[in-house]
Amino acid sequence: MQSVVDSLRKKGKIYKKMQEIAPRDLGVRNRIKIFKATDVAGYFWAIFAITQKSKLLIKDVHKFEEIYAKLVLFYGHNFKHKIIFIDAPICSKAKEALLAQGWKIQ
């Protein structure tokens, strides 16, 4: 969590509250870290942190959108911003799909 906060702080993003959500709470079996944050303006942020060795493909993008939909249902509100931290290489089609769906890639 500290690495996510540090990298966002470098970009000028400051949060009042940041909470980690266990994937088990959403019924997800993936190895993913999910955070819900509130910035100083009161907007909600959905932050995903993914670490994997294999390349991120378009099928993974659909999986992340399903997880995001479960997150929205779990909290009962939409998120203003969506950020995804990826340590793996990313396919060009997957990158286009993430950007088209409103994700910011870090």
N, C-alpha and C. Protein backbone atom coordinates (compact mmCIF):
# COMPACT_ATOMS: atom_id res chain seq x y z
N MET A 1 0.83 -1.19 0.00
CA MET A 1 0.00 0.00 0.00
C MET A 1 0.88 1.25 0.00
N GLN A 2 2.00 1.18 0.68
CA GLN A 2 2.85 2.36 0.78
C GLN A 2 3.42 2.75 -0.57
N SER A 3 3.76 1.77 -1.42
CA SER A 3 4.30 2.09 -2.74
C SER A 3 3.25 2.77 -3.61
N VAL A 4 1.98 2.36 -3.47
CA VAL A 4 0.90 2.99 -4.22
C VAL A 4 0.71 4.43 -3.76
N VAL A 5 0.72 4.65 -2.46
CA VAL A 5 0.54 6.00 -1.92
C VAL A 5 1.70 6.90 -2.33
N ASP A 6 2.93 6.38 -2.27
CA ASP A 6 4.09 7.17 -2.63
C ASP A 6 4.08 7.58 -4.10
N SER A 7 3.73 6.65 -4.98
CA SER A 7 3.71 6.98 -6.41
C SER A 7 2.60 7.97 -6.74
N LEU A 8 1.47 7.89 -6.05
CA LEU A 8 0.40 8.85 -6.29
C LEU A 8 0.74 10.21 -5.69
N ARG A 9 1.44 10.22 -4.58
CA ARG A 9 1.83 11.48 -3.95
C ARG A 9 2.81 12.25 -4.85
N LYS A 10 3.68 11.52 -5.56
CA LYS A 10 4.62 12.16 -6.48
C LYS A 10 3.88 12.87 -7.61
N LYS A 11 2.72 12.35 -7.97
CA LYS A 11 1.92 12.96 -9.03
C LYS A 11 0.99 14.05 -8.51
N GLY A 12 1.03 14.33 -7.21
CA GLY A 12 0.24 15.39 -6.63
C GLY A 12 -1.12 14.97 -6.12
N LYS A 13 -1.36 13.69 -6.00
CA LYS A 13 -2.64 13.18 -5.51
C LYS A 13 -2.55 12.96 -4.01
N ILE A 14 -3.41 13.62 -3.25
CA ILE A 14 -3.45 13.47 -1.80
C ILE A 14 -4.84 12.98 -1.40
N TYR A 15 -4.87 12.00 -0.51
CA TYR A 15 -6.14 11.40 -0.10
C TYR A 15 -6.39 11.60 1.38
N LYS A 16 -7.66 11.85 1.71
CA LYS A 16 -8.06 11.94 3.11
C LYS A 16 -8.12 10.55 3.73
N LYS A 17 -8.63 9.62 2.96
CA LYS A 17 -8.87 8.28 3.49
C LYS A 17 -8.55 7.27 2.41
N MET A 18 -7.85 6.20 2.79
CA MET A 18 -7.54 5.12 1.85
C MET A 18 -7.74 3.80 2.56
N GLN A 19 -8.52 2.93 1.93
CA GLN A 19 -8.90 1.67 2.57
C GLN A 19 -8.61 0.53 1.60
N GLU A 20 -7.98 -0.52 2.10
CA GLU A 20 -7.73 -1.71 1.28
C GLU A 20 -8.92 -2.65 1.41
N ILE A 21 -9.33 -3.20 0.28
CA ILE A 21 -10.46 -4.12 0.24
C ILE A 21 -9.94 -5.49 -0.10
N ALA A 22 -10.30 -6.47 0.69
CA ALA A 22 -9.88 -7.84 0.42
C ALA A 22 -10.65 -8.37 -0.78
N PRO A 23 -9.96 -8.99 -1.73
CA PRO A 23 -10.66 -9.55 -2.89
C PRO A 23 -11.70 -10.58 -2.49
N ARG A 24 -11.48 -11.24 -1.36
CA ARG A 24 -12.42 -12.23 -0.86
C ARG A 24 -13.78 -11.59 -0.55
N ASP A 25 -13.79 -10.33 -0.13
CA ASP A 25 -15.04 -9.64 0.18
C ASP A 25 -15.90 -9.46 -1.07
N LEU A 26 -15.25 -9.34 -2.22
CA LEU A 26 -15.98 -9.16 -3.48
C LEU A 26 -16.24 -10.49 -4.19
N GLY A 27 -15.75 -11.58 -3.64
CA GLY A 27 -15.93 -12.88 -4.27
C GLY A 27 -14.97 -13.10 -5.42
N VAL A 28 -13.77 -12.51 -5.32
CA VAL A 28 -12.77 -12.60 -6.39
C VAL A 28 -11.63 -13.47 -5.89
N ARG A 29 -11.13 -14.34 -6.77
CA ARG A 29 -10.05 -15.23 -6.38
C ARG A 29 -8.70 -14.75 -6.92
N ASN A 30 -8.69 -13.67 -7.65
CA ASN A 30 -7.45 -13.17 -8.24
C ASN A 30 -6.51 -12.63 -7.18
N ARG A 31 -5.23 -12.61 -7.53
CA ARG A 31 -4.23 -12.01 -6.65
C ARG A 31 -4.10 -10.55 -7.07
N ILE A 32 -4.90 -9.73 -6.46
CA ILE A 32 -4.98 -8.32 -6.81
C ILE A 32 -5.19 -7.53 -5.52
N LYS A 33 -4.62 -6.35 -5.49
CA LYS A 33 -4.86 -5.46 -4.34
C LYS A 33 -5.82 -4.38 -4.80
N ILE A 34 -6.86 -4.19 -4.03
CA ILE A 34 -7.90 -3.22 -4.37
C ILE A 34 -7.97 -2.19 -3.25
N PHE A 35 -7.98 -0.92 -3.65
CA PHE A 35 -8.06 0.17 -2.68
C PHE A 35 -9.22 1.08 -3.04
N LYS A 36 -9.87 1.60 -2.02
CA LYS A 36 -10.90 2.63 -2.18
C LYS A 36 -10.35 3.87 -1.48
N ALA A 37 -10.27 4.97 -2.20
CA ALA A 37 -9.70 6.18 -1.63
C ALA A 37 -10.65 7.35 -1.83
N THR A 38 -10.56 8.33 -0.92
CA THR A 38 -11.31 9.57 -1.02
C THR A 38 -10.32 10.71 -1.02
N ASP A 39 -10.37 11.55 -2.07
CA ASP A 39 -9.42 12.66 -2.12
C ASP A 39 -9.96 13.86 -1.34
N VAL A 40 -9.18 14.93 -1.31
CA VAL A 40 -9.55 16.09 -0.51
C VAL A 40 -10.77 16.81 -1.07
N ALA A 41 -11.09 16.61 -2.34
CA ALA A 41 -12.28 17.21 -2.93
C ALA A 41 -13.53 16.38 -2.67
N GLY A 42 -13.36 15.17 -2.12
CA GLY A 42 -14.51 14.32 -1.80
C GLY A 42 -14.85 13.31 -2.88
N TYR A 43 -14.01 13.18 -3.92
CA TYR A 43 -14.26 12.21 -4.98
C TYR A 43 -13.71 10.84 -4.58
N PHE A 44 -14.40 9.79 -5.03
CA PHE A 44 -13.98 8.43 -4.74
C PHE A 44 -13.08 7.92 -5.87
N TRP A 45 -12.04 7.20 -5.50
CA TRP A 45 -11.09 6.61 -6.43
C TRP A 45 -11.06 5.10 -6.23
N ALA A 46 -11.06 4.35 -7.31
CA ALA A 46 -10.85 2.91 -7.28
C ALA A 46 -9.43 2.66 -7.77
N ILE A 47 -8.62 2.02 -6.96
CA ILE A 47 -7.22 1.79 -7.30
C ILE A 47 -6.94 0.30 -7.25
N PHE A 48 -6.47 -0.25 -8.37
CA PHE A 48 -6.12 -1.66 -8.46
C PHE A 48 -4.61 -1.76 -8.61
N ALA A 49 -3.99 -2.69 -7.91
CA ALA A 49 -2.55 -2.96 -8.03
C ALA A 49 -2.37 -4.42 -8.40
N ILE A 50 -1.79 -4.65 -9.58
CA ILE A 50 -1.64 -5.99 -10.10
C ILE A 50 -0.16 -6.30 -10.26
N THR A 51 0.27 -7.44 -9.75
CA THR A 51 1.62 -7.92 -9.97
C THR A 51 1.52 -9.32 -10.54
N GLN A 52 2.02 -9.47 -11.74
CA GLN A 52 2.05 -10.78 -12.38
C GLN A 52 3.24 -10.84 -13.31
N LYS A 53 3.65 -12.05 -13.64
CA LYS A 53 4.83 -12.22 -14.48
C LYS A 53 4.47 -12.26 -15.95
N SER A 54 3.29 -12.78 -16.27
CA SER A 54 2.91 -12.91 -17.67
C SER A 54 2.33 -11.60 -18.21
N LYS A 55 2.26 -11.50 -19.50
CA LYS A 55 1.76 -10.30 -20.16
C LYS A 55 0.27 -10.11 -19.89
N LEU A 56 -0.13 -8.88 -19.71
CA LEU A 56 -1.53 -8.55 -19.46
C LEU A 56 -2.27 -8.52 -20.80
N LEU A 57 -3.28 -9.35 -20.95
CA LEU A 57 -3.99 -9.49 -22.21
C LEU A 57 -5.40 -8.91 -22.11
N ILE A 58 -6.10 -8.91 -23.23
CA ILE A 58 -7.45 -8.34 -23.30
C ILE A 58 -8.42 -9.10 -22.39
N LYS A 59 -8.21 -10.42 -22.22
CA LYS A 59 -9.10 -11.18 -21.33
C LYS A 59 -8.96 -10.70 -19.88
N ASP A 60 -7.76 -10.26 -19.51
CA ASP A 60 -7.55 -9.73 -18.17
C ASP A 60 -8.28 -8.41 -17.98
N VAL A 61 -8.38 -7.62 -19.04
CA VAL A 61 -9.11 -6.35 -18.98
C VAL A 61 -10.58 -6.60 -18.66
N HIS A 62 -11.16 -7.61 -19.29
CA HIS A 62 -12.56 -7.95 -19.01
C HIS A 62 -12.72 -8.41 -17.56
N LYS A 63 -11.72 -9.13 -17.06
CA LYS A 63 -11.75 -9.58 -15.68
C LYS A 63 -11.70 -8.39 -14.71
N PHE A 64 -10.87 -7.38 -15.02
CA PHE A 64 -10.79 -6.20 -14.17
C PHE A 64 -12.08 -5.39 -14.20
N GLU A 65 -12.73 -5.34 -15.33
CA GLU A 65 -14.01 -4.64 -15.42
C GLU A 65 -15.08 -5.35 -14.59
N GLU A 66 -15.04 -6.68 -14.56
CA GLU A 66 -15.99 -7.43 -13.72
C GLU A 66 -15.72 -7.15 -12.24
N ILE A 67 -14.45 -7.10 -11.87
CA ILE A 67 -14.09 -6.80 -10.48
C ILE A 67 -14.55 -5.39 -10.12
N TYR A 68 -14.37 -4.44 -11.05
CA TYR A 68 -14.81 -3.07 -10.81
C TYR A 68 -16.33 -3.00 -10.64
N ALA A 69 -17.06 -3.76 -11.46
CA ALA A 69 -18.53 -3.79 -11.34
C ALA A 69 -18.95 -4.36 -9.97
N LYS A 70 -18.24 -5.37 -9.49
CA LYS A 70 -18.54 -5.92 -8.17
C LYS A 70 -18.23 -4.91 -7.07
N LEU A 71 -17.17 -4.13 -7.28
CA LEU A 71 -16.80 -3.10 -6.31
C LEU A 71 -17.87 -2.01 -6.23
N VAL A 72 -18.41 -1.63 -7.38
CA VAL A 72 -19.48 -0.62 -7.42
C VAL A 72 -20.72 -1.14 -6.72
N LEU A 73 -21.07 -2.39 -6.95
CA LEU A 73 -22.24 -2.98 -6.28
C LEU A 73 -22.01 -3.12 -4.77
N PHE A 74 -20.78 -3.46 -4.39
CA PHE A 74 -20.45 -3.66 -2.98
C PHE A 74 -20.61 -2.37 -2.18
N TYR A 75 -20.17 -1.24 -2.76
CA TYR A 75 -20.25 0.04 -2.06
C TYR A 75 -21.49 0.85 -2.41
N GLY A 76 -22.15 0.51 -3.49
CA GLY A 76 -23.40 1.19 -3.83
C GLY A 76 -23.22 2.57 -4.45
N HIS A 77 -22.05 2.86 -4.97
CA HIS A 77 -21.84 4.12 -5.67
C HIS A 77 -20.75 3.95 -6.71
N ASN A 78 -20.74 4.85 -7.70
CA ASN A 78 -19.70 4.83 -8.72
C ASN A 78 -18.47 5.56 -8.23
N PHE A 79 -17.36 5.32 -8.87
CA PHE A 79 -16.10 5.97 -8.54
C PHE A 79 -15.79 6.98 -9.63
N LYS A 80 -15.32 8.14 -9.24
CA LYS A 80 -15.01 9.21 -10.18
C LYS A 80 -13.78 8.85 -11.03
N HIS A 81 -12.78 8.25 -10.39
CA HIS A 81 -11.54 7.91 -11.08
C HIS A 81 -11.20 6.45 -10.86
N LYS A 82 -10.55 5.85 -11.88
CA LYS A 82 -10.09 4.47 -11.79
C LYS A 82 -8.62 4.45 -12.21
N ILE A 83 -7.78 3.92 -11.33
CA ILE A 83 -6.35 3.82 -11.61
C ILE A 83 -5.93 2.36 -11.47
N ILE A 84 -5.05 1.93 -12.36
CA ILE A 84 -4.54 0.57 -12.29
C ILE A 84 -3.01 0.62 -12.33
N PHE A 85 -2.38 -0.04 -11.36
CA PHE A 85 -0.93 -0.17 -11.31
C PHE A 85 -0.57 -1.56 -11.81
N ILE A 86 0.26 -1.62 -12.85
CA ILE A 86 0.62 -2.89 -13.46
C ILE A 86 2.13 -3.02 -13.47
N ASP A 87 2.64 -4.16 -12.96
CA ASP A 87 4.07 -4.43 -12.99
C ASP A 87 4.47 -5.27 -14.20
N ALA A 88 3.51 -5.84 -14.88
CA ALA A 88 3.78 -6.74 -16.00
C ALA A 88 3.73 -5.97 -17.32
N PRO A 89 4.30 -6.55 -18.36
CA PRO A 89 4.13 -5.94 -19.69
C PRO A 89 2.67 -6.01 -20.10
N ILE A 90 2.24 -5.06 -20.92
CA ILE A 90 0.83 -4.98 -21.29
C ILE A 90 0.69 -5.01 -22.81
N CYS A 91 -0.27 -5.78 -23.29
CA CYS A 91 -0.58 -5.89 -24.71
C CYS A 91 -1.14 -4.55 -25.20
N SER A 92 -0.86 -4.20 -26.45
CA SER A 92 -1.32 -2.91 -26.97
C SER A 92 -2.84 -2.84 -27.04
N LYS A 93 -3.49 -3.95 -27.39
CA LYS A 93 -4.96 -3.97 -27.45
C LYS A 93 -5.55 -3.85 -26.05
N ALA A 94 -4.92 -4.47 -25.07
CA ALA A 94 -5.39 -4.37 -23.69
C ALA A 94 -5.22 -2.95 -23.18
N LYS A 95 -4.13 -2.30 -23.55
CA LYS A 95 -3.90 -0.93 -23.13
C LYS A 95 -4.96 0.00 -23.72
N GLU A 96 -5.27 -0.18 -25.00
CA GLU A 96 -6.32 0.62 -25.64
C GLU A 96 -7.66 0.40 -24.98
N ALA A 97 -7.97 -0.85 -24.64
CA ALA A 97 -9.25 -1.18 -24.01
C ALA A 97 -9.36 -0.54 -22.63
N LEU A 98 -8.27 -0.58 -21.86
CA LEU A 98 -8.28 0.04 -20.53
C LEU A 98 -8.49 1.54 -20.63
N LEU A 99 -7.78 2.18 -21.54
CA LEU A 99 -7.93 3.62 -21.70
C LEU A 99 -9.32 4.00 -22.21
N ALA A 100 -9.90 3.18 -23.08
CA ALA A 100 -11.24 3.44 -23.60
C ALA A 100 -12.30 3.32 -22.51
N GLN A 101 -12.05 2.48 -21.50
CA GLN A 101 -13.02 2.29 -20.43
C GLN A 101 -12.78 3.25 -19.26
N GLY A 102 -11.85 4.18 -19.42
CA GLY A 102 -11.67 5.22 -18.41
C GLY A 102 -10.61 4.94 -17.37
N TRP A 103 -9.80 3.91 -17.55
CA TRP A 103 -8.74 3.59 -16.60
C TRP A 103 -7.52 4.48 -16.86
N LYS A 104 -6.82 4.84 -15.79
CA LYS A 104 -5.53 5.51 -15.90
C LYS A 104 -4.47 4.47 -15.54
N ILE A 105 -3.50 4.27 -16.42
CA ILE A 105 -2.50 3.24 -16.24
C ILE A 105 -1.24 3.84 -15.65
N GLN A 106 -0.73 3.21 -14.60
CA GLN A 106 0.51 3.65 -13.96
C GLN A 106 1.57 2.59 -14.12
